[in-house]
Amino acid sequence: QVQLVESGGGLVQPGGSLRLSCAASGIIFNTYTMHWYRQAPGEQRELVAQITSGGTTNYANSVKGRFTISRDNAKNTVYLEMNSLKPEDTAVYYCSAGGVVWGRGTQVTVSS
């Protein structure tokens, strides 16, 4: 069964950190570019970060220097380390494999 399952979201204060995980099954994980997207209420879904099968990374300007995407091909898992979180980072975060397989998302709320 093809599946992506996100975890690690929650409520955090401004300036805090969270680490999101996305576990994949049913796909040849190491062949996929993996993405993290987010969608805030009333907003369009936006690409936050991506990592290719070779490990090349790209980030949205809004998160550069604060977020880090990484992958562990042995564990079929992609991560998003989020530091210096801001209220505007509040959103549901989704991982995607190649833009064709999607997880259900995990809520991140940044609030004091």
Foldseek 3Di string as FASTA:
>chain_A
DWAKAKDWADEAAQQAKIKMKIATPDDQLLQWWKWKWWDDPPGDIGTAKIAHSVGDIDGDPVQPPFWDWDDDSVRNMIMIIGGSDDQVVFTWMWMDTNVPHIHPTDTHGYHD
